[in-house]
Amino acid sequence: MKTAAKIFIIIGMIVGFWTILPLIFGIIALNQMRTRKPSTGICVCVLLFCSLLGGIFLLCSNESEYIAPTNPAA
């Protein structure tokens, strides 16, 4: 769901580029998705202002999707 959320957020940012809010919340959500699951507030703002489907996918995604796999054999 993480990949689907990213795709829909980027599409929402492209479609709504002429307004500032999709760009702001999309960039914040994409930056937070690199290391951890975005907060519920950011997910709701993405849902309202950027992309309906992207926000739903963010809210439904698991925390385990955002944890980087460890390499035990090093």
PDB file of N, CA and C in Angstrom:
ATOM      1  N   MET A   1       0.813  -1.193   0.000  1.00  0.00           N
ATOM      2  CA  MET A   1       0.000   0.000   0.000  1.00  0.00           C
ATOM      3  C   MET A   1       0.855   1.256   0.000  1.00  0.00           C
ATOM      4  N   LYS A   2       2.082   1.115   0.472  1.00  0.00           N
ATOM      5  CA  LYS A   2       2.975   2.272   0.515  1.00  0.00           C
ATOM      6  C   LYS A   2       3.252   2.807  -0.885  1.00  0.00           C
ATOM      7  N   THR A   3       3.497   1.908  -1.825  1.00  0.00           N
ATOM      8  CA  THR A   3       3.777   2.328  -3.197  1.00  0.00           C
ATOM      9  C   THR A   3       2.555   2.957  -3.844  1.00  0.00           C
ATOM     10  N   ALA A   4       1.389   2.375  -3.614  1.00  0.00           N
ATOM     11  CA  ALA A   4       0.155   2.937  -4.173  1.00  0.00           C
ATOM     12  C   ALA A   4      -0.110   4.323  -3.598  1.00  0.00           C
ATOM     13  N   ALA A   5       0.146   4.494  -2.304  1.00  0.00           N
ATOM     14  CA  ALA A   5      -0.043   5.807  -1.686  1.00  0.00           C
ATOM     15  C   ALA A   5       0.897   6.833  -2.309  1.00  0.00           C
ATOM     16  N   LYS A   6       2.146   6.452  -2.520  1.00  0.00           N
ATOM     17  CA  LYS A   6       3.107   7.369  -3.140  1.00  0.00           C
ATOM     18  C   LYS A   6       2.658   7.785  -4.533  1.00  0.00           C
ATOM     19  N   ILE A   7       2.187   6.816  -5.305  1.00  0.00           N
ATOM     20  CA  ILE A   7       1.770   7.114  -6.681  1.00  0.00           C
ATOM     21  C   ILE A   7       0.597   8.085  -6.691  1.00  0.00           C
ATOM     22  N   PHE A   8      -0.413   7.830  -5.854  1.00  0.00           N
ATOM     23  CA  PHE A   8      -1.579   8.698  -5.840  1.00  0.00           C
ATOM     24  C   PHE A   8      -1.266  10.075  -5.258  1.00  0.00           C
ATOM     25  N   ILE A   9      -0.340  10.148  -4.310  1.00  0.00           N
ATOM     26  CA  ILE A   9       0.063  11.458  -3.781  1.00  0.00           C
ATOM     27  C   ILE A   9       0.765  12.264  -4.865  1.00  0.00           C
ATOM     28  N   ILE A  10       1.646  11.631  -5.611  1.00  0.00           N
ATOM     29  CA  ILE A  10       2.360  12.338  -6.684  1.00  0.00           C
ATOM     30  C   ILE A  10       1.382  12.794  -7.768  1.00  0.00           C
ATOM     31  N   ILE A  11       0.421  11.938  -8.119  1.00  0.00           N
ATOM     32  CA  ILE A  11      -0.590  12.336  -9.108  1.00  0.00           C
ATOM     33  C   ILE A  11      -1.403  13.518  -8.591  1.00  0.00           C
ATOM     34  N   GLY A  12      -1.784  13.472  -7.320  1.00  0.00           N
ATOM     35  CA  GLY A  12      -2.527  14.585  -6.733  1.00  0.00           C
ATOM     36  C   GLY A  12      -1.726  15.875  -6.700  1.00  0.00           C
ATOM     37  N   MET A  13      -0.424  15.761  -6.472  1.00  0.00           N
ATOM     38  CA  MET A  13       0.430  16.954  -6.481  1.00  0.00           C
ATOM     39  C   MET A  13       0.531  17.534  -7.884  1.00  0.00           C
ATOM     40  N   ILE A  14       0.611  16.675  -8.897  1.00  0.00           N
ATOM     41  CA  ILE A  14       0.715  17.152 -10.276  1.00  0.00           C
ATOM     42  C   ILE A  14      -0.581  17.811 -10.716  1.00  0.00           C
ATOM     43  N   VAL A  15      -1.710  17.190 -10.388  1.00  0.00           N
ATOM     44  CA  VAL A  15      -3.003  17.734 -10.801  1.00  0.00           C
ATOM     45  C   VAL A  15      -3.303  19.049 -10.085  1.00  0.00           C
ATOM     46  N   GLY A  16      -2.966  19.129  -8.805  1.00  0.00           N
ATOM     47  CA  GLY A  16      -3.297  20.331  -8.037  1.00  0.00           C
ATOM     48  C   GLY A  16      -2.131  21.258  -7.807  1.00  0.00           C
ATOM     49  N   PHE A  17      -1.187  21.295  -8.747  1.00  0.00           N
ATOM     50  CA  PHE A  17       0.018  22.116  -8.542  1.00  0.00           C
ATOM     51  C   PHE A  17      -0.284  23.602  -8.436  1.00  0.00           C
ATOM     52  N   TRP A  18      -1.376  24.059  -9.023  1.00  0.00           N
ATOM     53  CA  TRP A  18      -1.681  25.490  -9.026  1.00  0.00           C
ATOM     54  C   TRP A  18      -2.180  25.966  -7.671  1.00  0.00           C
ATOM     55  N   THR A  19      -2.553  25.047  -6.785  1.00  0.00           N
ATOM     56  CA  THR A  19      -2.833  25.419  -5.399  1.00  0.00           C
ATOM     57  C   THR A  19      -1.665  24.957  -4.553  1.00  0.00           C
ATOM     58  N   ILE A  20      -1.417  25.630  -3.480  1.00  0.00           N
ATOM     59  CA  ILE A  20      -0.222  25.369  -2.690  1.00  0.00           C
ATOM     60  C   ILE A  20      -0.390  24.171  -1.753  1.00  0.00           C
ATOM     61  N   LEU A  21      -1.580  23.945  -1.216  1.00  0.00           N
ATOM     62  CA  LEU A  21      -1.777  22.919  -0.191  1.00  0.00           C
ATOM     63  C   LEU A  21      -1.430  21.506  -0.655  1.00  0.00           C
ATOM     64  N   PRO A  22      -1.805  21.061  -1.856  1.00  0.00           N
ATOM     65  CA  PRO A  22      -1.376  19.708  -2.260  1.00  0.00           C
ATOM     66  C   PRO A  22       0.134  19.552  -2.328  1.00  0.00           C
ATOM     67  N   LEU A  23       0.812  20.588  -2.755  1.00  0.00           N
ATOM     68  CA  LEU A  23       2.266  20.515  -2.817  1.00  0.00           C
ATOM     69  C   LEU A  23       2.877  20.418  -1.430  1.00  0.00           C
ATOM     70  N   ILE A  24       2.388  21.230  -0.501  1.00  0.00           N
ATOM     71  CA  ILE A  24       2.944  21.244   0.855  1.00  0.00           C
ATOM     72  C   ILE A  24       2.727  19.905   1.544  1.00  0.00           C
ATOM     73  N   PHE A  25       1.475  19.442   1.572  1.00  0.00           N
ATOM     74  CA  PHE A  25       1.186  18.210   2.287  1.00  0.00           C
ATOM     75  C   PHE A  25       1.736  16.991   1.568  1.00  0.00           C
ATOM     76  N   GLY A  26       1.806  17.027   0.262  1.00  0.00           N
ATOM     77  CA  GLY A  26       2.394  15.921  -0.486  1.00  0.00           C
ATOM     78  C   GLY A  26       3.878  15.788  -0.213  1.00  0.00           C
ATOM     79  N   ILE A  27       4.587  16.894  -0.193  1.00  0.00           N
ATOM     80  CA  ILE A  27       6.029  16.863   0.082  1.00  0.00           C
ATOM     81  C   ILE A  27       6.293  16.398   1.502  1.00  0.00           C
ATOM     82  N   ILE A  28       5.519  16.896   2.467  1.00  0.00           N
ATOM     83  CA  ILE A  28       5.694  16.482   3.857  1.00  0.00           C
ATOM     84  C   ILE A  28       5.444  14.985   4.003  1.00  0.00           C
ATOM     85  N   ALA A  29       4.363  14.489   3.397  1.00  0.00           N
ATOM     86  CA  ALA A  29       4.041  13.061   3.507  1.00  0.00           C
ATOM     87  C   ALA A  29       5.110  12.202   2.840  1.00  0.00           C
ATOM     88  N   LEU A  30       5.573  12.598   1.671  1.00  0.00           N
ATOM     89  CA  LEU A  30       6.594  11.807   0.984  1.00  0.00           C
ATOM     90  C   LEU A  30       7.905  11.798   1.756  1.00  0.00           C
ATOM     91  N   ASN A  31       8.264  12.915   2.379  1.00  0.00           N
ATOM     92  CA  ASN A  31       9.482  12.950   3.178  1.00  0.00           C
ATOM     93  C   ASN A  31       9.359  12.082   4.420  1.00  0.00           C
ATOM     94  N   GLN A  32       8.191  12.085   5.068  1.00  0.00           N
ATOM     95  CA  GLN A  32       8.006  11.249   6.248  1.00  0.00           C
ATOM     96  C   GLN A  32       7.935   9.771   5.888  1.00  0.00           C
ATOM     97  N   MET A  33       7.482   9.451   4.684  1.00  0.00           N
ATOM     98  CA  MET A  33       7.369   8.054   4.274  1.00  0.00           C
ATOM     99  C   MET A  33       8.730   7.403   4.054  1.00  0.00           C
ATOM    100  N   ARG A  34       9.774   8.169   3.936  1.00  0.00           N
ATOM    101  CA  ARG A  34      11.108   7.599   3.750  1.00  0.00           C
ATOM    102  C   ARG A  34      11.580   6.853   4.993  1.00  0.00           C
ATOM    103  N   THR A  35      11.239   7.362   6.171  1.00  0.00           N
ATOM    104  CA  THR A  35      11.779   6.776   7.391  1.00  0.00           C
ATOM    105  C   THR A  35      10.727   6.130   8.276  1.00  0.00           C
ATOM    106  N   ARG A  36       9.509   6.641   8.267  1.00  0.00           N
ATOM    107  CA  ARG A  36       8.478   6.131   9.161  1.00  0.00           C
ATOM    108  C   ARG A  36       7.119   6.400   8.549  1.00  0.00           C
ATOM    109  N   LYS A  37       6.084   5.863   9.196  1.00  0.00           N
ATOM    110  CA  LYS A  37       4.721   6.112   8.735  1.00  0.00           C
ATOM    111  C   LYS A  37       4.344   7.539   9.106  1.00  0.00           C
ATOM    112  N   PRO A  38       3.777   8.299   8.168  1.00  0.00           N
ATOM    113  CA  PRO A  38       3.357   9.664   8.492  1.00  0.00           C
ATOM    114  C   PRO A  38       2.309   9.683   9.594  1.00  0.00           C
ATOM    115  N   SER A  39       2.283  10.756  10.342  1.00  0.00           N
ATOM    116  CA  SER A  39       1.325  10.877  11.435  1.00  0.00           C
ATOM    117  C   SER A  39      -0.103  10.895  10.888  1.00  0.00           C
ATOM    118  N   THR A  40      -1.042  10.626  11.765  1.00  0.00           N
ATOM    119  CA  THR A  40      -2.440  10.582  11.357  1.00  0.00           C
ATOM    120  C   THR A  40      -2.898  11.936  10.847  1.00  0.00           C
ATOM    121  N   GLY A  41      -2.408  13.010  11.441  1.00  0.00           N
ATOM    122  CA  GLY A  41      -2.778  14.351  10.987  1.00  0.00           C
ATOM    123  C   GLY A  41      -2.338  14.624   9.558  1.00  0.00           C
ATOM    124  N   ILE A  42      -1.125  14.238   9.231  1.00  0.00           N
ATOM    125  CA  ILE A  42      -0.631  14.413   7.870  1.00  0.00           C
ATOM    126  C   ILE A  42      -1.420  13.528   6.910  1.00  0.00           C
ATOM    127  N   CYS A  43      -1.759  12.310   7.344  1.00  0.00           N
ATOM    128  CA  CYS A  43      -2.551  11.411   6.493  1.00  0.00           C
ATOM    129  C   CYS A  43      -3.919  12.011   6.188  1.00  0.00           C
ATOM    130  N   VAL A  44      -4.548  12.612   7.191  1.00  0.00           N
ATOM    131  CA  VAL A  44      -5.862  13.228   6.985  1.00  0.00           C
ATOM    132  C   VAL A  44      -5.739  14.455   6.085  1.00  0.00           C
ATOM    133  N   CYS A  45      -4.685  15.238   6.256  1.00  0.00           N
ATOM    134  CA  CYS A  45      -4.485  16.411   5.389  1.00  0.00           C
ATOM    135  C   CYS A  45      -4.232  15.990   3.946  1.00  0.00           C
ATOM    136  N   VAL A  46      -3.482  14.906   3.739  1.00  0.00           N
ATOM    137  CA  VAL A  46      -3.285  14.378   2.387  1.00  0.00           C
ATOM    138  C   VAL A  46      -4.624  13.928   1.813  1.00  0.00           C
ATOM    139  N   LEU A  47      -5.433  13.274   2.636  1.00  0.00           N
ATOM    140  CA  LEU A  47      -6.742  12.807   2.203  1.00  0.00           C
ATOM    141  C   LEU A  47      -7.627  13.972   1.771  1.00  0.00           C
ATOM    142  N   LEU A  48      -7.607  15.067   2.515  1.00  0.00           N
ATOM    143  CA  LEU A  48      -8.482  16.205   2.225  1.00  0.00           C
ATOM    144  C   LEU A  48      -7.959  17.104   1.110  1.00  0.00           C
ATOM    145  N   PHE A  49      -6.671  17.378   1.112  1.00  0.00           N
ATOM    146  CA  PHE A  49      -6.142  18.415   0.231  1.00  0.00           C
ATOM    147  C   PHE A  49      -5.369  17.899  -0.981  1.00  0.00           C
ATOM    148  N   CYS A  50      -4.832  16.699  -0.916  1.00  0.00           N
ATOM    149  CA  CYS A  50      -3.962  16.240  -1.990  1.00  0.00           C
ATOM    150  C   CYS A  50      -4.617  15.139  -2.826  1.00  0.00           C
ATOM    151  N   SER A  51      -4.877  13.999  -2.198  1.00  0.00           N
ATOM    152  CA  SER A  51      -5.403  12.854  -2.936  1.00  0.00           C
ATOM    153  C   SER A  51      -6.258  12.003  -2.011  1.00  0.00           C
ATOM    154  N   LEU A  52      -7.470  11.761  -2.418  1.00  0.00           N
ATOM    155  CA  LEU A  52      -8.381  10.959  -1.612  1.00  0.00           C
ATOM    156  C   LEU A  52      -7.860   9.529  -1.468  1.00  0.00           C
ATOM    157  N   LEU A  53      -7.487   8.909  -2.561  1.00  0.00           N
ATOM    158  CA  LEU A  53      -6.988   7.535  -2.511  1.00  0.00           C
ATOM    159  C   LEU A  53      -5.640   7.439  -1.799  1.00  0.00           C
ATOM    160  N   GLY A  54      -4.761   8.396  -2.031  1.00  0.00           N
ATOM    161  CA  GLY A  54      -3.471   8.391  -1.346  1.00  0.00           C
ATOM    162  C   GLY A  54      -3.625   8.498   0.156  1.00  0.00           C
ATOM    163  N   GLY A  55      -4.543   9.337   0.618  1.00  0.00           N
ATOM    164  CA  GLY A  55      -4.789   9.468   2.049  1.00  0.00           C
ATOM    165  C   GLY A  55      -5.394   8.213   2.643  1.00  0.00           C
ATOM    166  N   ILE A  56      -6.299   7.576   1.924  1.00  0.00           N
ATOM    167  CA  ILE A  56      -6.897   6.329   2.412  1.00  0.00           C
ATOM    168  C   ILE A  56      -5.835   5.243   2.511  1.00  0.00           C
ATOM    169  N   PHE A  57      -4.983   5.131   1.509  1.00  0.00           N
ATOM    170  CA  PHE A  57      -3.918   4.130   1.556  1.00  0.00           C
ATOM    171  C   PHE A  57      -2.940   4.413   2.691  1.00  0.00           C
ATOM    172  N   LEU A  58      -2.644   5.672   2.959  1.00  0.00           N
ATOM    173  CA  LEU A  58      -1.759   6.000   4.071  1.00  0.00           C
ATOM    174  C   LEU A  58      -2.384   5.620   5.400  1.00  0.00           C
ATOM    175  N   LEU A  59      -3.667   5.903   5.569  1.00  0.00           N
ATOM    176  CA  LEU A  59      -4.330   5.574   6.825  1.00  0.00           C
ATOM    177  C   LEU A  59      -4.437   4.068   7.033  1.00  0.00           C
ATOM    178  N   CYS A  60      -4.570   3.299   5.970  1.00  0.00           N
ATOM    179  CA  CYS A  60      -4.738   1.848   6.080  1.00  0.00           C
ATOM    180  C   CYS A  60      -3.416   1.085   6.098  1.00  0.00           C
ATOM    181  N   SER A  61      -2.315   1.723   5.817  1.00  0.00           N
ATOM    182  CA  SER A  61      -1.042   1.014   5.739  1.00  0.00           C
ATOM    183  C   SER A  61      -0.534   0.641   7.136  1.00  0.00           C
ATOM    184  N   ASN A  62       0.287  -0.404   7.172  1.00  0.00           N
ATOM    185  CA  ASN A  62       0.857  -0.892   8.419  1.00  0.00           C
ATOM    186  C   ASN A  62       2.185  -0.218   8.706  1.00  0.00           C
ATOM    187  N   GLU A  63       2.525  -0.170   9.989  1.00  0.00           N
ATOM    188  CA  GLU A  63       3.811   0.392  10.401  1.00  0.00           C
ATOM    189  C   GLU A  63       4.966  -0.479   9.896  1.00  0.00           C
ATOM    190  N   SER A  64       4.748  -1.780   9.729  1.00  0.00           N
ATOM    191  CA  SER A  64       5.815  -2.688   9.310  1.00  0.00           C
ATOM    192  C   SER A  64       6.278  -2.423   7.872  1.00  0.00           C
ATOM    193  N   GLU A  65       5.459  -1.763   7.071  1.00  0.00           N
ATOM    194  CA  GLU A  65       5.852  -1.440   5.696  1.00  0.00           C
ATOM    195  C   GLU A  65       6.926  -0.363   5.651  1.00  0.00           C
ATOM    196  N   TYR A  66       7.092   0.384   6.711  1.00  0.00           N
ATOM    197  CA  TYR A  66       7.995   1.529   6.709  1.00  0.00           C
ATOM    198  C   TYR A  66       9.313   1.233   7.413  1.00  0.00           C
ATOM    199  N   ILE A  67       9.409   0.077   8.056  1.00  0.00           N
ATOM    200  CA  ILE A  67      10.630  -0.277   8.758  1.00  0.00           C
ATOM    201  C   ILE A  67      11.602  -0.880   7.761  1.00  0.00           C
ATOM    202  N   ALA A  68      12.812  -0.365   7.746  1.00  0.00           N
ATOM    203  CA  ALA A  68      13.816  -0.847   6.809  1.00  0.00           C
ATOM    204  C   ALA A  68      14.298  -2.240   7.246  1.00  0.00           C
ATOM    205  N   PRO A  69      14.462  -3.155   6.298  1.00  0.00           N
ATOM    206  CA  PRO A  69      14.947  -4.490   6.663  1.00  0.00           C
ATOM    207  C   PRO A  69      16.407  -4.415   7.143  1.00  0.00           C
ATOM    208  N   THR A  70      16.704  -5.210   8.130  1.00  0.00           N
ATOM    209  CA  THR A  70      18.073  -5.234   8.664  1.00  0.00           C
ATOM    210  C   THR A  70      18.866  -6.326   7.970  1.00  0.00           C
ATOM    211  N   ASN A  71      20.158  -6.169   7.946  1.00  0.00           N
ATOM    212  CA  ASN A  71      21.043  -7.132   7.311  1.00  0.00           C
ATOM    213  C   ASN A  71      21.824  -7.842   8.419  1.00  0.00           C
ATOM    214  N   PRO A  72      21.369  -9.027   8.864  1.00  0.00           N
ATOM    215  CA  PRO A  72      22.055  -9.696   9.971  1.00  0.00           C
ATOM    216  C   PRO A  72      23.412 -10.282   9.573  1.00  0.00           C
ATOM    217  N   ALA A  73      23.587 -10.633   8.315  1.00  0.00           N
ATOM    218  CA  ALA A  73      24.857 -11.210   7.871  1.00  0.00           C
ATOM    219  C   ALA A  73      25.765 -10.103   7.355  1.00  0.00           C
ATOM    220  N   ALA A  74      26.570  -9.598   8.230  1.00  0.00           N
ATOM    221  CA  ALA A  74      27.489  -8.530   7.816  1.00  0.00           C
ATOM    222  C   ALA A  74      28.893  -8.834   8.233  1.00  0.00           C
TER     223      ALA A  74
END
